Amino acid sequence: MHVIVHRIRLHEGVDPARFETWVRESDYRAAADLKSLHSFAVHRISTHADANANTNAPHEYFEVISVTSPEEFERDMATDTFGRLVAAFDTMASVVDEISGERIEPGYSAD
């Protein structure tokens, strides 16, 4: 399984709640239309030791995308659905780092 990990940083002034609502209501829902996706999740991380003490602390995220193959994912990236997601994402955030690789199968899941 090919895995892509993006580190995401919100643009200055973007409310994290707005971004997280968009992830839940738009990004996750559209994932079913992208046939190359096996799994996809966005995770919130803190950039400070105690972000709870500073409500103005910047929010960062990372997303983990498991795809059937890089080539099939590239085809999905050319779709209108993906284009609309990128256009909305770009108004709120930027991908600041990307890594990718192959999962050493089978992996582990408690399910």
N, C-alpha and C. Protein backbone atom coordinates (compact mmCIF):
# COMPACT_ATOMS: atom_id res chain seq x y z
N MET A 1 0.84 -1.17 0.00
CA MET A 1 0.00 0.00 0.00
C MET A 1 0.89 1.24 0.00
N HIS A 2 0.62 2.15 -0.89
CA HIS A 2 1.38 3.39 -0.96
C HIS A 2 0.75 4.41 0.00
N VAL A 3 1.58 5.08 0.78
CA VAL A 3 1.11 6.05 1.77
C VAL A 3 1.77 7.40 1.53
N ILE A 4 0.95 8.45 1.61
CA ILE A 4 1.42 9.83 1.46
C ILE A 4 1.07 10.56 2.75
N VAL A 5 2.04 11.28 3.30
CA VAL A 5 1.81 12.06 4.52
C VAL A 5 2.13 13.52 4.20
N HIS A 6 1.15 14.38 4.47
CA HIS A 6 1.33 15.83 4.29
C HIS A 6 1.31 16.52 5.64
N ARG A 7 2.24 17.41 5.86
CA ARG A 7 2.19 18.32 7.01
C ARG A 7 1.50 19.58 6.50
N ILE A 8 0.50 20.03 7.24
CA ILE A 8 -0.35 21.14 6.81
C ILE A 8 -0.27 22.27 7.83
N ARG A 9 -0.18 23.49 7.32
CA ARG A 9 -0.19 24.67 8.19
C ARG A 9 -1.31 25.59 7.70
N LEU A 10 -2.12 26.05 8.65
CA LEU A 10 -3.18 27.00 8.31
C LEU A 10 -2.58 28.34 7.94
N HIS A 11 -3.22 29.05 7.02
CA HIS A 11 -2.82 30.42 6.72
C HIS A 11 -3.13 31.30 7.92
N GLU A 12 -2.35 32.33 8.08
CA GLU A 12 -2.57 33.26 9.19
C GLU A 12 -4.00 33.79 9.15
N GLY A 13 -4.65 33.77 10.30
CA GLY A 13 -6.00 34.30 10.44
C GLY A 13 -7.11 33.29 10.16
N VAL A 14 -6.77 32.09 9.70
CA VAL A 14 -7.79 31.08 9.44
C VAL A 14 -8.17 30.41 10.76
N ASP A 15 -9.44 30.39 11.03
CA ASP A 15 -9.97 29.77 12.25
C ASP A 15 -9.84 28.25 12.13
N PRO A 16 -9.15 27.60 13.06
CA PRO A 16 -9.03 26.14 13.00
C PRO A 16 -10.39 25.43 12.92
N ALA A 17 -11.39 25.96 13.59
CA ALA A 17 -12.72 25.34 13.54
C ALA A 17 -13.28 25.35 12.12
N ARG A 18 -13.03 26.40 11.38
CA ARG A 18 -13.48 26.47 9.98
C ARG A 18 -12.82 25.37 9.16
N PHE A 19 -11.51 25.22 9.32
CA PHE A 19 -10.78 24.20 8.58
C PHE A 19 -11.27 22.81 8.97
N GLU A 20 -11.42 22.55 10.25
CA GLU A 20 -11.82 21.22 10.71
C GLU A 20 -13.24 20.89 10.27
N THR A 21 -14.12 21.87 10.25
CA THR A 21 -15.48 21.65 9.73
C THR A 21 -15.43 21.29 8.26
N TRP A 22 -14.61 22.00 7.49
CA TRP A 22 -14.47 21.70 6.07
C TRP A 22 -13.93 20.28 5.87
N VAL A 23 -12.93 19.89 6.67
CA VAL A 23 -12.39 18.53 6.57
C VAL A 23 -13.50 17.52 6.77
N ARG A 24 -14.29 17.68 7.84
CA ARG A 24 -15.35 16.72 8.16
C ARG A 24 -16.46 16.71 7.12
N GLU A 25 -16.90 17.90 6.71
CA GLU A 25 -18.10 18.00 5.88
C GLU A 25 -17.83 17.95 4.38
N SER A 26 -16.64 18.28 3.95
CA SER A 26 -16.34 18.29 2.51
C SER A 26 -15.26 17.30 2.13
N ASP A 27 -14.11 17.41 2.75
CA ASP A 27 -12.96 16.58 2.39
C ASP A 27 -13.26 15.10 2.58
N TYR A 28 -13.71 14.73 3.78
CA TYR A 28 -14.00 13.33 4.05
C TYR A 28 -15.13 12.80 3.16
N ARG A 29 -16.16 13.60 2.96
CA ARG A 29 -17.29 13.15 2.13
C ARG A 29 -16.86 12.92 0.68
N ALA A 30 -16.00 13.78 0.16
CA ALA A 30 -15.56 13.66 -1.23
C ALA A 30 -14.62 12.47 -1.42
N ALA A 31 -14.00 11.99 -0.35
CA ALA A 31 -13.03 10.90 -0.46
C ALA A 31 -13.64 9.67 -1.13
N ALA A 32 -14.90 9.41 -0.92
CA ALA A 32 -15.55 8.24 -1.52
C ALA A 32 -15.58 8.32 -3.04
N ASP A 33 -15.50 9.52 -3.59
CA ASP A 33 -15.51 9.70 -5.04
C ASP A 33 -14.13 9.54 -5.67
N LEU A 34 -13.11 9.43 -4.86
CA LEU A 34 -11.74 9.27 -5.37
C LEU A 34 -11.37 7.79 -5.25
N LYS A 35 -11.45 7.10 -6.35
CA LYS A 35 -11.36 5.63 -6.36
C LYS A 35 -10.00 5.08 -5.93
N SER A 36 -8.97 5.90 -5.99
CA SER A 36 -7.63 5.41 -5.59
C SER A 36 -7.44 5.39 -4.08
N LEU A 37 -8.32 6.06 -3.33
CA LEU A 37 -8.13 6.14 -1.88
C LEU A 37 -8.53 4.85 -1.20
N HIS A 38 -7.62 4.38 -0.36
CA HIS A 38 -7.93 3.25 0.50
C HIS A 38 -8.35 3.77 1.88
N SER A 39 -7.63 4.77 2.37
CA SER A 39 -7.99 5.43 3.63
C SER A 39 -7.40 6.83 3.62
N PHE A 40 -7.99 7.67 4.49
CA PHE A 40 -7.59 9.07 4.52
C PHE A 40 -8.05 9.66 5.85
N ALA A 41 -7.15 10.34 6.56
CA ALA A 41 -7.51 10.99 7.81
C ALA A 41 -6.60 12.19 8.05
N VAL A 42 -7.19 13.23 8.63
CA VAL A 42 -6.46 14.44 9.01
C VAL A 42 -6.33 14.44 10.53
N HIS A 43 -5.15 14.81 11.02
CA HIS A 43 -4.87 14.80 12.45
C HIS A 43 -4.39 16.18 12.89
N ARG A 44 -4.90 16.66 14.03
CA ARG A 44 -4.49 17.95 14.58
C ARG A 44 -3.29 17.71 15.48
N ILE A 45 -2.29 18.59 15.37
CA ILE A 45 -1.13 18.53 16.24
C ILE A 45 -0.89 19.91 16.83
N SER A 46 -0.24 19.96 17.95
CA SER A 46 0.11 21.21 18.58
C SER A 46 1.55 21.56 18.23
N THR A 47 1.79 22.83 17.99
CA THR A 47 3.16 23.27 17.71
C THR A 47 3.82 23.84 18.94
N HIS A 48 3.12 23.83 20.06
CA HIS A 48 3.66 24.33 21.32
C HIS A 48 3.54 23.25 22.39
N ALA A 49 4.41 23.31 23.39
CA ALA A 49 4.37 22.32 24.46
C ALA A 49 3.02 22.31 25.16
N ASP A 50 2.42 23.48 25.34
CA ASP A 50 1.13 23.55 26.01
C ASP A 50 0.21 24.49 25.22
N ALA A 51 -0.34 24.00 24.14
CA ALA A 51 -1.21 24.82 23.29
C ALA A 51 -2.48 25.24 24.03
N ASN A 52 -2.91 24.45 25.03
CA ASN A 52 -4.12 24.81 25.77
C ASN A 52 -3.93 26.09 26.56
N ALA A 53 -2.70 26.39 26.95
CA ALA A 53 -2.43 27.60 27.72
C ALA A 53 -2.45 28.84 26.82
N ASN A 54 -2.32 28.64 25.52
CA ASN A 54 -2.27 29.76 24.58
C ASN A 54 -3.27 29.50 23.47
N THR A 55 -4.45 30.09 23.57
CA THR A 55 -5.49 29.85 22.57
C THR A 55 -5.13 30.44 21.22
N ASN A 56 -4.10 31.26 21.15
CA ASN A 56 -3.65 31.81 19.88
C ASN A 56 -2.50 31.01 19.27
N ALA A 57 -2.17 29.87 19.87
CA ALA A 57 -1.09 29.04 19.34
C ALA A 57 -1.45 28.60 17.93
N PRO A 58 -0.47 28.59 17.03
CA PRO A 58 -0.78 28.16 15.66
C PRO A 58 -1.17 26.69 15.63
N HIS A 59 -2.09 26.36 14.76
CA HIS A 59 -2.51 24.97 14.61
C HIS A 59 -1.88 24.39 13.36
N GLU A 60 -1.39 23.18 13.50
CA GLU A 60 -0.88 22.45 12.36
C GLU A 60 -1.57 21.10 12.33
N TYR A 61 -1.51 20.49 11.18
CA TYR A 61 -2.19 19.22 10.96
C TYR A 61 -1.28 18.34 10.12
N PHE A 62 -1.59 17.06 10.12
CA PHE A 62 -0.99 16.18 9.14
C PHE A 62 -2.09 15.25 8.64
N GLU A 63 -1.98 14.88 7.38
CA GLU A 63 -2.94 13.94 6.82
C GLU A 63 -2.18 12.73 6.32
N VAL A 64 -2.81 11.58 6.51
CA VAL A 64 -2.24 10.32 6.06
C VAL A 64 -3.20 9.76 5.01
N ILE A 65 -2.66 9.57 3.81
CA ILE A 65 -3.46 9.13 2.68
C ILE A 65 -2.90 7.79 2.20
N SER A 66 -3.71 6.75 2.24
CA SER A 66 -3.31 5.45 1.70
C SER A 66 -4.00 5.29 0.36
N VAL A 67 -3.20 5.03 -0.68
CA VAL A 67 -3.75 4.93 -2.03
C VAL A 67 -3.38 3.59 -2.66
N THR A 68 -4.18 3.20 -3.64
CA THR A 68 -3.94 1.94 -4.33
C THR A 68 -2.63 1.97 -5.09
N SER A 69 -2.32 3.13 -5.70
CA SER A 69 -1.03 3.31 -6.38
C SER A 69 -0.84 4.79 -6.66
N PRO A 70 0.40 5.24 -6.76
CA PRO A 70 0.63 6.65 -7.09
C PRO A 70 0.01 7.03 -8.44
N GLU A 71 0.04 6.12 -9.40
CA GLU A 71 -0.52 6.42 -10.72
C GLU A 71 -2.03 6.60 -10.66
N GLU A 72 -2.71 5.74 -9.92
CA GLU A 72 -4.16 5.87 -9.79
C GLU A 72 -4.52 7.14 -9.02
N PHE A 73 -3.71 7.49 -8.03
CA PHE A 73 -3.96 8.73 -7.29
C PHE A 73 -3.77 9.94 -8.21
N GLU A 74 -2.76 9.90 -9.07
CA GLU A 74 -2.56 10.99 -10.03
C GLU A 74 -3.78 11.16 -10.93
N ARG A 75 -4.39 10.06 -11.34
CA ARG A 75 -5.61 10.15 -12.16
C ARG A 75 -6.73 10.83 -11.36
N ASP A 76 -6.87 10.46 -10.09
CA ASP A 76 -7.89 11.11 -9.24
C ASP A 76 -7.59 12.60 -9.09
N MET A 77 -6.32 12.96 -9.03
CA MET A 77 -5.95 14.37 -8.86
C MET A 77 -6.38 15.21 -10.06
N ALA A 78 -6.62 14.60 -11.20
CA ALA A 78 -7.05 15.31 -12.40
C ALA A 78 -8.57 15.48 -12.48
N THR A 79 -9.31 14.95 -11.50
CA THR A 79 -10.78 15.03 -11.55
C THR A 79 -11.28 16.38 -11.04
N ASP A 80 -12.50 16.72 -11.43
CA ASP A 80 -13.14 17.95 -10.94
C ASP A 80 -13.30 17.91 -9.43
N THR A 81 -13.66 16.76 -8.89
CA THR A 81 -13.83 16.63 -7.43
C THR A 81 -12.55 17.03 -6.71
N PHE A 82 -11.43 16.50 -7.14
CA PHE A 82 -10.15 16.81 -6.50
C PHE A 82 -9.82 18.29 -6.68
N GLY A 83 -10.08 18.82 -7.86
CA GLY A 83 -9.81 20.23 -8.13
C GLY A 83 -10.59 21.15 -7.20
N ARG A 84 -11.86 20.81 -6.95
CA ARG A 84 -12.68 21.62 -6.03
C ARG A 84 -12.12 21.54 -4.61
N LEU A 85 -11.66 20.36 -4.20
CA LEU A 85 -11.08 20.21 -2.86
C LEU A 85 -9.82 21.05 -2.73
N VAL A 86 -8.96 21.01 -3.73
CA VAL A 86 -7.71 21.79 -3.69
C VAL A 86 -8.02 23.28 -3.64
N ALA A 87 -8.98 23.74 -4.43
CA ALA A 87 -9.32 25.17 -4.45
C ALA A 87 -9.79 25.63 -3.07
N ALA A 88 -10.63 24.84 -2.42
CA ALA A 88 -11.11 25.21 -1.08
C ALA A 88 -9.98 25.14 -0.06
N PHE A 89 -9.19 24.06 -0.11
CA PHE A 89 -8.06 23.88 0.81
C PHE A 89 -7.10 25.06 0.71
N ASP A 90 -6.78 25.47 -0.51
CA ASP A 90 -5.80 26.54 -0.72
C ASP A 90 -6.22 27.87 -0.11
N THR A 91 -7.50 28.08 0.13
CA THR A 91 -7.96 29.32 0.77
C THR A 91 -7.68 29.31 2.27
N MET A 92 -7.42 28.11 2.83
CA MET A 92 -7.27 27.99 4.28
C MET A 92 -5.89 27.55 4.74
N ALA A 93 -5.18 26.80 3.91
CA ALA A 93 -3.97 26.14 4.40
C ALA A 93 -3.00 25.85 3.26
N SER A 94 -1.80 25.40 3.67
CA SER A 94 -0.78 24.98 2.71
C SER A 94 -0.15 23.68 3.19
N VAL A 95 0.22 22.85 2.24
CA VAL A 95 1.04 21.68 2.55
C VAL A 95 2.48 22.17 2.63
N VAL A 96 3.11 21.99 3.78
CA VAL A 96 4.46 22.49 3.99
C VAL A 96 5.52 21.40 3.93
N ASP A 97 5.08 20.14 3.90
CA ASP A 97 6.03 19.04 3.78
C ASP A 97 5.27 17.81 3.32
N GLU A 98 5.95 16.96 2.55
CA GLU A 98 5.35 15.73 2.07
C GLU A 98 6.37 14.61 2.13
N ILE A 99 5.94 13.46 2.62
CA ILE A 99 6.74 12.25 2.53
C ILE A 99 5.82 11.15 2.00
N SER A 100 6.41 10.16 1.38
CA SER A 100 5.59 9.04 0.90
C SER A 100 6.42 7.78 0.90
N GLY A 101 5.74 6.67 0.88
CA GLY A 101 6.43 5.39 0.87
C GLY A 101 5.46 4.24 0.84
N GLU A 102 6.00 3.05 1.00
CA GLU A 102 5.21 1.83 0.98
C GLU A 102 5.11 1.26 2.39
N ARG A 103 3.88 0.90 2.77
CA ARG A 103 3.68 0.26 4.08
C ARG A 103 4.27 -1.14 4.03
N ILE A 104 4.93 -1.53 5.09
CA ILE A 104 5.42 -2.90 5.22
C ILE A 104 4.22 -3.73 5.67
N GLU A 105 3.71 -4.52 4.76
CA GLU A 105 2.48 -5.29 5.02
C GLU A 105 2.74 -6.44 5.98
N PRO A 106 1.80 -6.89 6.74
CA PRO A 106 0.41 -6.48 6.67
C PRO A 106 0.07 -5.31 7.58
N GLY A 107 1.00 -4.86 8.42
CA GLY A 107 0.68 -3.85 9.41
C GLY A 107 -0.12 -4.48 10.55
N TYR A 108 -0.60 -3.64 11.42
CA TYR A 108 -1.38 -4.13 12.56
C TYR A 108 -2.59 -3.25 12.74
N SER A 109 -3.70 -3.85 13.08
CA SER A 109 -4.92 -3.15 13.45
C SER A 109 -5.64 -3.98 14.49
N ALA A 110 -6.10 -3.33 15.56
CA ALA A 110 -6.81 -4.05 16.61
C ALA A 110 -8.20 -4.49 16.15
N ASP A 111 -8.68 -3.95 15.04
CA ASP A 111 -10.02 -4.32 14.53
C ASP A 111 -10.08 -5.72 14.02
